[in-house]
């Protein structure tokens, strides 16, 4: 192992992911119960990635050029969709004084989607 690999690995391990940031944000804005629910939802969000690995999706994409190209184009379309929504959004970083309450189910669904859509 080279020193470059070790330094890069350390940076990747130390930096928080989107699930950690969502869990912290839920805890800071809505309390410890919402933070625990968000952490549970983020953990559930890993399940689709595990299922894809178990079913051999990587092997399928490696052996099938057509499936790989289709997967790439679907990814590009999704990124363009997210970019369009980001351009349309107004005031996303505005801090609100009154935080609406969310149900535990809504927090869990948001956490799952964060991990599924941002591997």
PDB file of N, CA and C in Angstrom:
ATOM      1  N   UNK A   1       0.840  -1.187   0.000  1.00  0.00           N
ATOM      2  CA  UNK A   1       0.000   0.000   0.000  1.00  0.00           C
ATOM      3  C   UNK A   1       0.878   1.241   0.000  1.00  0.00           C
ATOM      4  N   UNK A   2       0.492   2.176  -0.819  1.00  0.00           N
ATOM      5  CA  UNK A   2       1.258   3.419  -0.893  1.00  0.00           C
ATOM      6  C   UNK A   2       0.724   4.423   0.120  1.00  0.00           C
ATOM      7  N   UNK A   3       1.526   5.424   0.391  1.00  0.00           N
ATOM      8  CA  UNK A   3       1.107   6.470   1.321  1.00  0.00           C
ATOM      9  C   UNK A   3      -0.056   7.267   0.740  1.00  0.00           C
ATOM     10  N   UNK A   4      -0.099   7.412  -0.592  1.00  0.00           N
ATOM     11  CA  UNK A   4      -1.212   8.124  -1.234  1.00  0.00           C
ATOM     12  C   UNK A   4      -2.540   7.420  -0.974  1.00  0.00           C
ATOM     13  N   UNK A   5      -2.531   6.098  -1.085  1.00  0.00           N
ATOM     14  CA  UNK A   5      -3.743   5.325  -0.825  1.00  0.00           C
ATOM     15  C   UNK A   5      -4.185   5.480   0.628  1.00  0.00           C
ATOM     16  N   UNK A   6      -3.254   5.430   1.550  1.00  0.00           N
ATOM     17  CA  UNK A   6      -3.593   5.554   2.971  1.00  0.00           C
ATOM     18  C   UNK A   6      -4.160   6.930   3.298  1.00  0.00           C
ATOM     19  N   UNK A   7      -3.558   7.982   2.739  1.00  0.00           N
ATOM     20  CA  UNK A   7      -4.056   9.338   2.996  1.00  0.00           C
ATOM     21  C   UNK A   7      -5.446   9.522   2.395  1.00  0.00           C
ATOM     22  N   UNK A   8      -5.639   9.033   1.173  1.00  0.00           N
ATOM     23  CA  UNK A   8      -6.956   9.134   0.535  1.00  0.00           C
ATOM     24  C   UNK A   8      -8.003   8.358   1.317  1.00  0.00           C
ATOM     25  N   UNK A   9      -7.652   7.170   1.765  1.00  0.00           N
ATOM     26  CA  UNK A   9      -8.586   6.366   2.573  1.00  0.00           C
ATOM     27  C   UNK A   9      -8.951   7.073   3.853  1.00  0.00           C
ATOM     28  N   UNK A  10      -7.980   7.690   4.506  1.00  0.00           N
ATOM     29  CA  UNK A  10      -8.250   8.411   5.750  1.00  0.00           C
ATOM     30  C   UNK A  10      -9.198   9.582   5.514  1.00  0.00           C
ATOM     31  N   UNK A  11      -9.000  10.313   4.428  1.00  0.00           N
ATOM     32  CA  UNK A  11      -9.870  11.452   4.123  1.00  0.00           C
ATOM     33  C   UNK A  11     -11.297  10.984   3.862  1.00  0.00           C
ATOM     34  N   UNK A  12     -11.451   9.893   3.116  1.00  0.00           N
ATOM     35  CA  UNK A  12     -12.786   9.372   2.809  1.00  0.00           C
ATOM     36  C   UNK A  12     -13.474   8.873   4.075  1.00  0.00           C
ATOM     37  N   UNK A  13     -12.735   8.225   4.949  1.00  0.00           N
ATOM     38  CA  UNK A  13     -13.324   7.670   6.175  1.00  0.00           C
ATOM     39  C   UNK A  13     -13.718   8.768   7.153  1.00  0.00           C
ATOM     40  N   UNK A  14     -12.899   9.818   7.253  1.00  0.00           N
ATOM     41  CA  UNK A  14     -13.140  10.869   8.248  1.00  0.00           C
ATOM     42  C   UNK A  14     -14.264  11.811   7.819  1.00  0.00           C
ATOM     43  N   UNK A  15     -14.421  12.040   6.523  1.00  0.00           N
ATOM     44  CA  UNK A  15     -15.435  12.995   6.070  1.00  0.00           C
ATOM     45  C   UNK A  15     -16.838  12.401   6.222  1.00  0.00           C
ATOM     46  N   UNK A  16     -17.768  13.192   6.735  1.00  0.00           N
ATOM     47  CA  UNK A  16     -19.129  12.677   6.922  1.00  0.00           C
ATOM     48  C   UNK A  16     -19.879  12.599   5.597  1.00  0.00           C
ATOM     49  N   UNK A  17     -20.751  11.633   5.505  1.00  0.00           N
ATOM     50  CA  UNK A  17     -21.577  11.478   4.312  1.00  0.00           C
ATOM     51  C   UNK A  17     -22.905  12.200   4.460  1.00  0.00           C
ATOM     52  N   UNK A  18     -23.736  12.051   3.454  1.00  0.00           N
ATOM     53  CA  UNK A  18     -25.028  12.729   3.475  1.00  0.00           C
ATOM     54  C   UNK A  18     -25.932  12.185   4.576  1.00  0.00           C
ATOM     55  N   UNK A  19     -25.820  10.888   4.876  1.00  0.00           N
ATOM     56  CA  UNK A  19     -26.632  10.308   5.941  1.00  0.00           C
ATOM     57  C   UNK A  19     -26.285  10.888   7.301  1.00  0.00           C
ATOM     58  N   UNK A  20     -24.996  11.066   7.548  1.00  0.00           N
ATOM     59  CA  UNK A  20     -24.560  11.655   8.820  1.00  0.00           C
ATOM     60  C   UNK A  20     -25.028  13.100   8.922  1.00  0.00           C
ATOM     61  N   UNK A  21     -24.885  13.839   7.840  1.00  0.00           N
ATOM     62  CA  UNK A  21     -25.326  15.238   7.859  1.00  0.00           C
ATOM     63  C   UNK A  21     -26.836  15.344   8.072  1.00  0.00           C
ATOM     64  N   UNK A  22     -27.603  14.461   7.437  1.00  0.00           N
ATOM     65  CA  UNK A  22     -29.060  14.480   7.630  1.00  0.00           C
ATOM     66  C   UNK A  22     -29.426  14.124   9.068  1.00  0.00           C
ATOM     67  N   UNK A  23     -28.741  13.128   9.635  1.00  0.00           N
ATOM     68  CA  UNK A  23     -29.013  12.728  11.011  1.00  0.00           C
ATOM     69  C   UNK A  23     -28.702  13.866  11.974  1.00  0.00           C
ATOM     70  N   UNK A  24     -27.585  14.540  11.779  1.00  0.00           N
ATOM     71  CA  UNK A  24     -27.244  15.687  12.628  1.00  0.00           C
ATOM     72  C   UNK A  24     -28.253  16.821  12.472  1.00  0.00           C
ATOM     73  N   UNK A  25     -28.645  17.098  11.233  1.00  0.00           N
ATOM     74  CA  UNK A  25     -29.616  18.169  11.007  1.00  0.00           C
ATOM     75  C   UNK A  25     -30.960  17.841  11.649  1.00  0.00           C
ATOM     76  N   UNK A  26     -31.381  16.587  11.545  1.00  0.00           N
ATOM     77  CA  UNK A  26     -32.653  16.188  12.161  1.00  0.00           C
ATOM     78  C   UNK A  26     -32.563  16.305  13.675  1.00  0.00           C
ATOM     79  N   UNK A  27     -31.427  15.910  14.233  1.00  0.00           N
ATOM     80  CA  UNK A  27     -31.262  15.999  15.678  1.00  0.00           C
ATOM     81  C   UNK A  27     -31.207  17.428  16.179  1.00  0.00           C
ATOM     82  N   UNK A  28     -30.516  18.295  15.448  1.00  0.00           N
ATOM     83  CA  UNK A  28     -30.396  19.687  15.880  1.00  0.00           C
ATOM     84  C   UNK A  28     -31.695  20.462  15.726  1.00  0.00           C
ATOM     85  N   UNK A  29     -32.461  20.144  14.685  1.00  0.00           N
ATOM     86  CA  UNK A  29     -33.680  20.914  14.456  1.00  0.00           C
ATOM     87  C   UNK A  29     -34.919  20.323  15.126  1.00  0.00           C
ATOM     88  N   UNK A  30     -34.941  19.004  15.324  1.00  0.00           N
ATOM     89  CA  UNK A  30     -36.164  18.377  15.831  1.00  0.00           C
ATOM     90  C   UNK A  30     -35.972  17.540  17.087  1.00  0.00           C
ATOM     91  N   UNK A  31     -34.746  17.416  17.558  1.00  0.00           N
ATOM     92  CA  UNK A  31     -34.525  16.703  18.809  1.00  0.00           C
ATOM     93  C   UNK A  31     -33.917  15.322  18.632  1.00  0.00           C
ATOM     94  N   UNK A  32     -33.643  14.700  19.769  1.00  0.00           N
ATOM     95  CA  UNK A  32     -32.930  13.421  19.756  1.00  0.00           C
ATOM     96  C   UNK A  32     -33.766  12.289  19.162  1.00  0.00           C
ATOM     97  N   UNK A  33     -35.070  12.305  19.360  1.00  0.00           N
ATOM     98  CA  UNK A  33     -35.918  11.247  18.795  1.00  0.00           C
ATOM     99  C   UNK A  33     -35.852  11.256  17.271  1.00  0.00           C
ATOM    100  N   UNK A  34     -35.919  12.433  16.672  1.00  0.00           N
ATOM    101  CA  UNK A  34     -35.831  12.533  15.213  1.00  0.00           C
ATOM    102  C   UNK A  34     -34.457  12.099  14.722  1.00  0.00           C
ATOM    103  N   UNK A  35     -33.432  12.362  15.503  1.00  0.00           N
ATOM    104  CA  UNK A  35     -32.085  11.945  15.131  1.00  0.00           C
ATOM    105  C   UNK A  35     -31.955  10.425  15.124  1.00  0.00           C
ATOM    106  N   UNK A  36     -32.528   9.775  16.111  1.00  0.00           N
ATOM    107  CA  UNK A  36     -32.496   8.311  16.177  1.00  0.00           C
ATOM    108  C   UNK A  36     -33.284   7.710  15.017  1.00  0.00           C
ATOM    109  N   UNK A  37     -34.435   8.285  14.728  1.00  0.00           N
ATOM    110  CA  UNK A  37     -35.254   7.801  13.606  1.00  0.00           C
ATOM    111  C   UNK A  37     -34.512   8.007  12.290  1.00  0.00           C
ATOM    112  N   UNK A  38     -33.833   9.152  12.128  1.00  0.00           N
ATOM    113  CA  UNK A  38     -33.075   9.410  10.899  1.00  0.00           C
ATOM    114  C   UNK A  38     -31.918   8.428  10.756  1.00  0.00           C
ATOM    115  N   UNK A  39     -31.238   8.135  11.850  1.00  0.00           N
ATOM    116  CA  UNK A  39     -30.141   7.162  11.795  1.00  0.00           C
ATOM    117  C   UNK A  39     -30.668   5.779  11.396  1.00  0.00           C
ATOM    118  N   UNK A  40     -31.827   5.405  11.918  1.00  0.00           N
ATOM    119  CA  UNK A  40     -32.442   4.132  11.542  1.00  0.00           C
ATOM    120  C   UNK A  40     -32.788   4.118  10.063  1.00  0.00           C
ATOM    121  N   UNK A  41     -33.355   5.211   9.571  1.00  0.00           N
ATOM    122  CA  UNK A  41     -33.707   5.299   8.151  1.00  0.00           C
ATOM    123  C   UNK A  41     -32.474   5.249   7.259  1.00  0.00           C
ATOM    124  N   UNK A  42     -31.397   5.898   7.676  1.00  0.00           N
ATOM    125  CA  UNK A  42     -30.155   5.855   6.893  1.00  0.00           C
ATOM    126  C   UNK A  42     -29.598   4.439   6.848  1.00  0.00           C
ATOM    127  N   UNK A  43     -29.733   3.720   7.936  1.00  0.00           N
ATOM    128  CA  UNK A  43     -29.281   2.328   7.955  1.00  0.00           C
ATOM    129  C   UNK A  43     -30.141   1.481   7.014  1.00  0.00           C
ATOM    130  N   UNK A  44     -31.446   1.719   7.001  1.00  0.00           N
ATOM    131  CA  UNK A  44     -32.311   0.993   6.062  1.00  0.00           C
ATOM    132  C   UNK A  44     -32.002   1.345   4.612  1.00  0.00           C
ATOM    133  N   UNK A  45     -31.482   2.548   4.386  1.00  0.00           N
ATOM    134  CA  UNK A  45     -31.149   2.971   3.031  1.00  0.00           C
ATOM    135  C   UNK A  45     -29.999   2.195   2.412  1.00  0.00           C
ATOM    136  N   UNK A  46     -29.238   1.491   3.237  1.00  0.00           N
ATOM    137  CA  UNK A  46     -28.122   0.697   2.734  1.00  0.00           C
ATOM    138  C   UNK A  46     -28.622  -0.612   2.127  1.00  0.00           C
ATOM    139  N   UNK A  47     -29.805  -1.054   2.507  1.00  0.00           N
ATOM    140  CA  UNK A  47     -30.337  -2.347   2.073  1.00  0.00           C
ATOM    141  C   UNK A  47     -30.409  -2.489   0.545  1.00  0.00           C
ATOM    142  N   UNK A  48     -30.881  -1.482  -0.229  1.00  0.00           N
ATOM    143  CA  UNK A  48     -30.894  -1.664  -1.692  1.00  0.00           C
ATOM    144  C   UNK A  48     -29.502  -1.871  -2.282  1.00  0.00           C
ATOM    145  N   UNK A  49     -28.494  -1.203  -1.709  1.00  0.00           N
ATOM    146  CA  UNK A  49     -27.133  -1.386  -2.208  1.00  0.00           C
ATOM    147  C   UNK A  49     -26.629  -2.795  -1.906  1.00  0.00           C
ATOM    148  N   UNK A  50     -26.954  -3.289  -0.720  1.00  0.00           N
ATOM    149  CA  UNK A  50     -26.560  -4.661  -0.377  1.00  0.00           C
ATOM    150  C   UNK A  50     -27.268  -5.666  -1.275  1.00  0.00           C
ATOM    151  N   UNK A  51     -28.545  -5.435  -1.535  1.00  0.00           N
ATOM    152  CA  UNK A  51     -29.302  -6.350  -2.399  1.00  0.00           C
ATOM    153  C   UNK A  51     -28.723  -6.366  -3.810  1.00  0.00           C
ATOM    154  N   UNK A  52     -28.340  -5.194  -4.317  1.00  0.00           N
ATOM    155  CA  UNK A  52     -27.742  -5.139  -5.659  1.00  0.00           C
ATOM    156  C   UNK A  52     -26.416  -5.885  -5.687  1.00  0.00           C
ATOM    157  N   UNK A  53     -25.634  -5.755  -4.629  1.00  0.00           N
ATOM    158  CA  UNK A  53     -24.353  -6.471  -4.580  1.00  0.00           C
ATOM    159  C   UNK A  53     -24.566  -7.976  -4.479  1.00  0.00           C
ATOM    160  N   UNK A  54     -25.548  -8.389  -3.693  1.00  0.00           N
ATOM    161  CA  UNK A  54     -25.823  -9.817  -3.533  1.00  0.00           C
ATOM    162  C   UNK A  54     -26.329 -10.423  -4.835  1.00  0.00           C
ATOM    163  N   UNK A  55     -27.155  -9.677  -5.560  1.00  0.00           N
ATOM    164  CA  UNK A  55     -27.713 -10.204  -6.805  1.00  0.00           C
ATOM    165  C   UNK A  55     -26.740 -10.138  -7.972  1.00  0.00           C
ATOM    166  N   UNK A  56     -25.600  -9.518  -7.788  1.00  0.00           N
ATOM    167  CA  UNK A  56     -24.590  -9.483  -8.837  1.00  0.00           C
ATOM    168  C   UNK A  56     -24.817  -8.448  -9.904  1.00  0.00           C
ATOM    169  N   UNK A  57     -25.358  -7.298  -9.536  1.00  0.00           N
ATOM    170  CA  UNK A  57     -25.605  -6.252 -10.530  1.00  0.00           C
ATOM    171  C   UNK A  57     -24.286  -5.764 -11.122  1.00  0.00           C
ATOM    172  N   UNK A  58     -23.225  -5.692 -10.318  1.00  0.00           N
ATOM    173  CA  UNK A  58     -21.924  -5.254 -10.833  1.00  0.00           C
ATOM    174  C   UNK A  58     -21.406  -6.225 -11.887  1.00  0.00           C
ATOM    175  N   UNK A  59     -21.589  -7.524 -11.663  1.00  0.00           N
ATOM    176  CA  UNK A  59     -21.155  -8.513 -12.649  1.00  0.00           C
ATOM    177  C   UNK A  59     -21.966  -8.378 -13.941  1.00  0.00           C
ATOM    178  N   UNK A  60     -23.248  -8.102 -13.812  1.00  0.00           N
ATOM    179  CA  UNK A  60     -24.094  -7.910 -14.995  1.00  0.00           C
ATOM    180  C   UNK A  60     -23.631  -6.690 -15.781  1.00  0.00           C
ATOM    181  N   UNK A  61     -23.364  -5.585 -15.090  1.00  0.00           N
ATOM    182  CA  UNK A  61     -22.918  -4.375 -15.775  1.00  0.00           C
ATOM    183  C   UNK A  61     -21.534  -4.564 -16.386  1.00  0.00           C
ATOM    184  N   UNK A  62     -20.713  -5.411 -15.769  1.00  0.00           N
ATOM    185  CA  UNK A  62     -19.373  -5.665 -16.305  1.00  0.00           C
ATOM    186  C   UNK A  62     -19.432  -6.512 -17.577  1.00  0.00           C
ATOM    187  N   UNK A  63     -20.338  -7.448 -17.628  1.00  0.00           N
ATOM    188  CA  UNK A  63     -20.397  -8.344 -18.780  1.00  0.00           C
ATOM    189  C   UNK A  63     -21.266  -7.817 -19.914  1.00  0.00           C
ATOM    190  N   UNK A  64     -22.219  -6.964 -19.621  1.00  0.00           N
ATOM    191  CA  UNK A  64     -23.133  -6.479 -20.646  1.00  0.00           C
ATOM    192  C   UNK A  64     -22.865  -5.005 -20.939  1.00  0.00           C
ATOM    193  N   UNK A  65     -22.330  -4.734 -22.106  1.00  0.00           N
ATOM    194  CA  UNK A  65     -22.053  -3.354 -22.497  1.00  0.00           C
ATOM    195  C   UNK A  65     -23.349  -2.554 -22.657  1.00  0.00           C
ATOM    196  N   UNK A  66     -24.391  -3.199 -23.157  1.00  0.00           N
ATOM    197  CA  UNK A  66     -25.673  -2.515 -23.336  1.00  0.00           C
ATOM    198  C   UNK A  66     -26.267  -2.107 -21.996  1.00  0.00           C
ATOM    199  N   UNK A  67     -26.238  -3.014 -21.013  1.00  0.00           N
ATOM    200  CA  UNK A  67     -26.774  -2.690 -19.697  1.00  0.00           C
ATOM    201  C   UNK A  67     -25.971  -1.566 -19.045  1.00  0.00           C
ATOM    202  N   UNK A  68     -24.657  -1.589 -19.231  1.00  0.00           N
ATOM    203  CA  UNK A  68     -23.810  -0.545 -18.662  1.00  0.00           C
ATOM    204  C   UNK A  68     -24.108   0.812 -19.296  1.00  0.00           C
ATOM    205  N   UNK A  69     -24.243   0.846 -20.619  1.00  0.00           N
ATOM    206  CA  UNK A  69     -24.561   2.098 -21.307  1.00  0.00           C
ATOM    207  C   UNK A  69     -25.926   2.624 -20.892  1.00  0.00           C
ATOM    208  N   UNK A  70     -26.903   1.745 -20.776  1.00  0.00           N
ATOM    209  CA  UNK A  70     -28.236   2.147 -20.333  1.00  0.00           C
ATOM    210  C   UNK A  70     -28.185   2.722 -18.930  1.00  0.00           C
ATOM    211  N   UNK A  71     -27.445   2.076 -18.048  1.00  0.00           N
ATOM    212  CA  UNK A  71     -27.288   2.536 -16.671  1.00  0.00           C
ATOM    213  C   UNK A  71     -26.632   3.919 -16.636  1.00  0.00           C
ATOM    214  N   UNK A  72     -25.636   4.135 -17.489  1.00  0.00           N
ATOM    215  CA  UNK A  72     -24.967   5.439 -17.541  1.00  0.00           C
ATOM    216  C   UNK A  72     -25.934   6.528 -18.012  1.00  0.00           C
ATOM    217  N   UNK A  73     -26.712   6.246 -19.040  1.00  0.00           N
ATOM    218  CA  UNK A  73     -27.626   7.261 -19.565  1.00  0.00           C
ATOM    219  C   UNK A  73     -28.765   7.570 -18.600  1.00  0.00           C
ATOM    220  N   UNK A  74     -29.224   6.576 -17.886  1.00  0.00           N
ATOM    221  CA  UNK A  74     -30.235   6.825 -16.848  1.00  0.00           C
ATOM    222  C   UNK A  74     -29.636   7.710 -15.752  1.00  0.00           C
ATOM    223  N   UNK A  75     -28.385   7.459 -15.397  1.00  0.00           N
ATOM    224  CA  UNK A  75     -27.708   8.291 -14.406  1.00  0.00           C
ATOM    225  C   UNK A  75     -27.541   9.727 -14.875  1.00  0.00           C
ATOM    226  N   UNK A  76     -27.196   9.914 -16.136  1.00  0.00           N
ATOM    227  CA  UNK A  76     -27.055  11.258 -16.695  1.00  0.00           C
ATOM    228  C   UNK A  76     -28.400  11.982 -16.681  1.00  0.00           C
ATOM    229  N   UNK A  77     -29.457  11.277 -17.064  1.00  0.00           N
ATOM    230  CA  UNK A  77     -30.790  11.887 -17.052  1.00  0.00           C
ATOM    231  C   UNK A  77     -31.185  12.301 -15.637  1.00  0.00           C
ATOM    232  N   UNK A  78     -30.871  11.464 -14.658  1.00  0.00           N
ATOM    233  CA  UNK A  78     -31.195  11.794 -13.271  1.00  0.00           C
ATOM    234  C   UNK A  78     -30.394  13.008 -12.801  1.00  0.00           C
ATOM    235  N   UNK A  79     -29.118  13.089 -13.153  1.00  0.00           N
ATOM    236  CA  UNK A  79     -28.307  14.242 -12.772  1.00  0.00           C
ATOM    237  C   UNK A  79     -28.820  15.522 -13.425  1.00  0.00           C
ATOM    238  N   UNK A  80     -29.226  15.443 -14.687  1.00  0.00           N
ATOM    239  CA  UNK A  80     -29.800  16.617 -15.345  1.00  0.00           C
ATOM    240  C   UNK A  80     -31.111  17.042 -14.691  1.00  0.00           C
ATOM    241  N   UNK A  81     -31.919  16.069 -14.285  1.00  0.00           N
ATOM    242  CA  UNK A  81     -33.170  16.368 -13.573  1.00  0.00           C
ATOM    243  C   UNK A  81     -32.879  17.083 -12.247  1.00  0.00           C
ATOM    244  N   UNK A  82     -31.888  16.582 -11.497  1.00  0.00           N
ATOM    245  CA  UNK A  82     -31.529  17.227 -10.224  1.00  0.00           C
ATOM    246  C   UNK A  82     -30.974  18.632 -10.460  1.00  0.00           C
ATOM    247  N   UNK A  83     -30.169  18.816 -11.522  1.00  0.00           N
ATOM    248  CA  UNK A  83     -29.625  20.135 -11.825  1.00  0.00           C
ATOM    249  C   UNK A  83     -30.744  21.114 -12.184  1.00  0.00           C
ATOM    250  N   UNK A  84     -31.713  20.653 -12.954  1.00  0.00           N
ATOM    251  CA  UNK A  84     -32.840  21.515 -13.329  1.00  0.00           C
ATOM    252  C   UNK A  84     -33.627  21.934 -12.083  1.00  0.00           C
ATOM    253  N   UNK A  85     -33.881  20.990 -11.188  1.00  0.00           N
ATOM    254  CA  UNK A  85     -34.593  21.329  -9.951  1.00  0.00           C
ATOM    255  C   UNK A  85     -33.789  22.279  -9.084  1.00  0.00           C
ATOM    256  N   UNK A  86     -32.466  22.129  -9.061  1.00  0.00           N
ATOM    257  CA  UNK A  86     -31.625  23.037  -8.276  1.00  0.00           C
ATOM    258  C   UNK A  86     -31.654  24.441  -8.858  1.00  0.00           C
ATOM    259  N   UNK A  87     -31.709  24.550 -10.185  1.00  0.00           N
ATOM    260  CA  UNK A  87     -31.779  25.866 -10.814  1.00  0.00           C
ATOM    261  C   UNK A  87     -33.131  26.536 -10.581  1.00  0.00           C
ATOM    262  N   UNK A  88     -34.193  25.754 -10.528  1.00  0.00           N
ATOM    263  CA  UNK A  88     -35.534  26.305 -10.304  1.00  0.00           C
ATOM    264  C   UNK A  88     -35.756  26.721  -8.857  1.00  0.00           C
ATOM    265  N   UNK A  89     -35.053  26.108  -7.922  1.00  0.00           N
ATOM    266  CA  UNK A  89     -35.268  26.318  -6.491  1.00  0.00           C
ATOM    267  C   UNK A  89     -34.920  27.753  -6.100  1.00  0.00           C
ATOM    268  N   UNK A  90     -35.752  28.319  -5.269  1.00  0.00           N
ATOM    269  CA  UNK A  90     -35.509  29.659  -4.749  1.00  0.00           C
ATOM    270  C   UNK A  90     -35.522  29.601  -3.230  1.00  0.00           C
ATOM    271  N   UNK A  91     -34.506  30.136  -2.612  1.00  0.00           N
ATOM    272  CA  UNK A  91     -34.473  30.254  -1.164  1.00  0.00           C
ATOM    273  C   UNK A  91     -34.268  28.949  -0.427  1.00  0.00           C
ATOM    274  N   UNK A  92     -33.511  28.026  -0.987  1.00  0.00           N
ATOM    275  CA  UNK A  92     -33.327  26.731  -0.336  1.00  0.00           C
ATOM    276  C   UNK A  92     -32.482  26.832   0.923  1.00  0.00           C
ATOM    277  N   UNK A  93     -31.616  27.824   0.999  1.00  0.00           N
ATOM    278  CA  UNK A  93     -30.732  27.953   2.151  1.00  0.00           C
ATOM    279  C   UNK A  93     -31.253  28.938   3.192  1.00  0.00           C
ATOM    280  N   UNK A  94     -32.488  29.341   3.068  1.00  0.00           N
ATOM    281  CA  UNK A  94     -33.073  30.272   4.023  1.00  0.00           C
ATOM    282  C   UNK A  94     -33.371  29.533   5.327  1.00  0.00           C
ATOM    283  N   UNK A  95     -33.009  30.140   6.443  1.00  0.00           N
ATOM    284  CA  UNK A  95     -33.238  29.526   7.747  1.00  0.00           C
ATOM    285  C   UNK A  95     -34.587  29.994   8.278  1.00  0.00           C
ATOM    286  N   UNK A  96     -35.437  29.063   8.589  1.00  0.00           N
ATOM    287  CA  UNK A  96     -36.773  29.363   9.102  1.00  0.00           C
ATOM    288  C   UNK A  96     -36.754  29.336  10.624  1.00  0.00           C
ATOM    289  N   UNK A  97     -37.478  30.250  11.257  1.00  0.00           N
ATOM    290  CA  UNK A  97     -37.576  30.234  12.713  1.00  0.00           C
ATOM    291  C   UNK A  97     -38.539  29.146  13.182  1.00  0.00           C
ATOM    292  N   UNK A  98     -39.633  28.986  12.456  1.00  0.00           N
ATOM    293  CA  UNK A  98     -40.639  27.997  12.832  1.00  0.00           C
ATOM    294  C   UNK A  98     -40.406  26.709  12.044  1.00  0.00           C
ATOM    295  N   UNK A  99     -39.965  25.679  12.739  1.00  0.00           N
ATOM    296  CA  UNK A  99     -39.706  24.396  12.091  1.00  0.00           C
ATOM    297  C   UNK A  99     -40.950  23.529  12.236  1.00  0.00           C
ATOM    298  N   UNK A 100     -41.482  23.111  11.109  1.00  0.00           N
ATOM    299  CA  UNK A 100     -42.672  22.266  11.163  1.00  0.00           C
ATOM    300  C   UNK A 100     -42.287  20.884  11.665  1.00  0.00           C
ATOM    301  N   UNK A 101     -43.202  20.256  12.344  1.00  0.00           N
ATOM    302  CA  UNK A 101     -42.929  18.914  12.858  1.00  0.00           C
ATOM    303  C   UNK A 101     -43.185  17.898  11.758  1.00  0.00           C
ATOM    304  N   UNK A 102     -42.382  16.858  11.757  1.00  0.00           N
ATOM    305  CA  UNK A 102     -42.547  15.781  10.797  1.00  0.00           C
ATOM    306  C   UNK A 102     -42.766  14.492  11.573  1.00  0.00           C
ATOM    307  N   UNK A 103     -43.501  13.614  10.968  1.00  0.00           N
ATOM    308  CA  UNK A 103     -43.716  12.323  11.604  1.00  0.00           C
ATOM    309  C   UNK A 103     -42.456  11.479  11.492  1.00  0.00           C
ATOM    310  N   UNK A 104     -42.366  10.464  12.351  1.00  0.00           N
ATOM    311  CA  UNK A 104     -41.212   9.571  12.333  1.00  0.00           C
ATOM    312  C   UNK A 104     -41.126   8.834  11.002  1.00  0.00           C
ATOM    313  N   UNK A 105     -42.265   8.534  10.416  1.00  0.00           N
ATOM    314  CA  UNK A 105     -42.273   7.835   9.129  1.00  0.00           C
ATOM    315  C   UNK A 105     -41.679   8.726   8.041  1.00  0.00           C
ATOM    316  N   UNK A 106     -42.023  10.007   8.041  1.00  0.00           N
ATOM    317  CA  UNK A 106     -41.500  10.936   7.028  1.00  0.00           C
ATOM    318  C   UNK A 106     -39.987  11.103   7.178  1.00  0.00           C
ATOM    319  N   UNK A 107     -39.497  11.213   8.414  1.00  0.00           N
ATOM    320  CA  UNK A 107     -38.057  11.328   8.652  1.00  0.00           C
ATOM    321  C   UNK A 107     -37.342  10.071   8.176  1.00  0.00           C
ATOM    322  N   UNK A 108     -37.923   8.901   8.443  1.00  0.00           N
ATOM    323  CA  UNK A 108     -37.322   7.635   8.022  1.00  0.00           C
ATOM    324  C   UNK A 108     -37.281   7.535   6.497  1.00  0.00           C
ATOM    325  N   UNK A 109     -38.363   7.909   5.830  1.00  0.00           N
ATOM    326  CA  UNK A 109     -38.407   7.853   4.363  1.00  0.00           C
ATOM    327  C   UNK A 109     -37.368   8.799   3.766  1.00  0.00           C
ATOM    328  N   UNK A 110     -37.257  10.011   4.317  1.00  0.00           N
ATOM    329  CA  UNK A 110     -36.243  10.948   3.822  1.00  0.00           C
ATOM    330  C   UNK A 110     -34.840  10.375   3.988  1.00  0.00           C
ATOM    331  N   UNK A 111     -34.575   9.758   5.130  1.00  0.00           N
ATOM    332  CA  UNK A 111     -33.251   9.190   5.383  1.00  0.00           C
ATOM    333  C   UNK A 111     -32.951   8.035   4.433  1.00  0.00           C
ATOM    334  N   UNK A 112     -33.945   7.196   4.163  1.00  0.00           N
ATOM    335  CA  UNK A 112     -33.753   6.085   3.228  1.00  0.00           C
ATOM    336  C   UNK A 112     -33.449   6.624   1.835  1.00  0.00           C
ATOM    337  N   UNK A 113     -34.209   7.629   1.401  1.00  0.00           N
ATOM    338  CA  UNK A 113     -33.993   8.194   0.071  1.00  0.00           C
ATOM    339  C   UNK A 113     -32.627   8.850  -0.057  1.00  0.00           C
ATOM    340  N   UNK A 114     -32.144   9.459   1.026  1.00  0.00           N
ATOM    341  CA  UNK A 114     -30.823  10.072   0.979  1.00  0.00           C
ATOM    342  C   UNK A 114     -29.768   9.015   0.701  1.00  0.00           C
ATOM    343  N   UNK A 115     -29.858   7.873   1.359  1.00  0.00           N
ATOM    344  CA  UNK A 115     -28.855   6.826   1.145  1.00  0.00           C
ATOM    345  C   UNK A 115     -29.036   6.080  -0.163  1.00  0.00           C
ATOM    346  N   UNK A 116     -30.260   5.933  -0.619  1.00  0.00           N
ATOM    347  CA  UNK A 116     -30.487   5.204  -1.870  1.00  0.00           C
ATOM    348  C   UNK A 116     -30.062   6.055  -3.062  1.00  0.00           C
ATOM    349  N   UNK A 117     -30.363   7.340  -3.030  1.00  0.00           N
ATOM    350  CA  UNK A 117     -30.064   8.207  -4.173  1.00  0.00           C
ATOM    351  C   UNK A 117     -28.636   8.743  -4.162  1.00  0.00           C
ATOM    352  N   UNK A 118     -27.949   8.689  -3.031  1.00  0.00           N
ATOM    353  CA  UNK A 118     -26.575   9.163  -2.928  1.00  0.00           C
ATOM    354  C   UNK A 118     -25.667   8.065  -2.388  1.00  0.00           C
ATOM    355  N   UNK A 119     -25.328   7.097  -3.230  1.00  0.00           N
ATOM    356  CA  UNK A 119     -24.516   5.969  -2.723  1.00  0.00           C
ATOM    357  C   UNK A 119     -23.111   6.374  -2.349  1.00  0.00           C
TER     358      UNK A 119
END
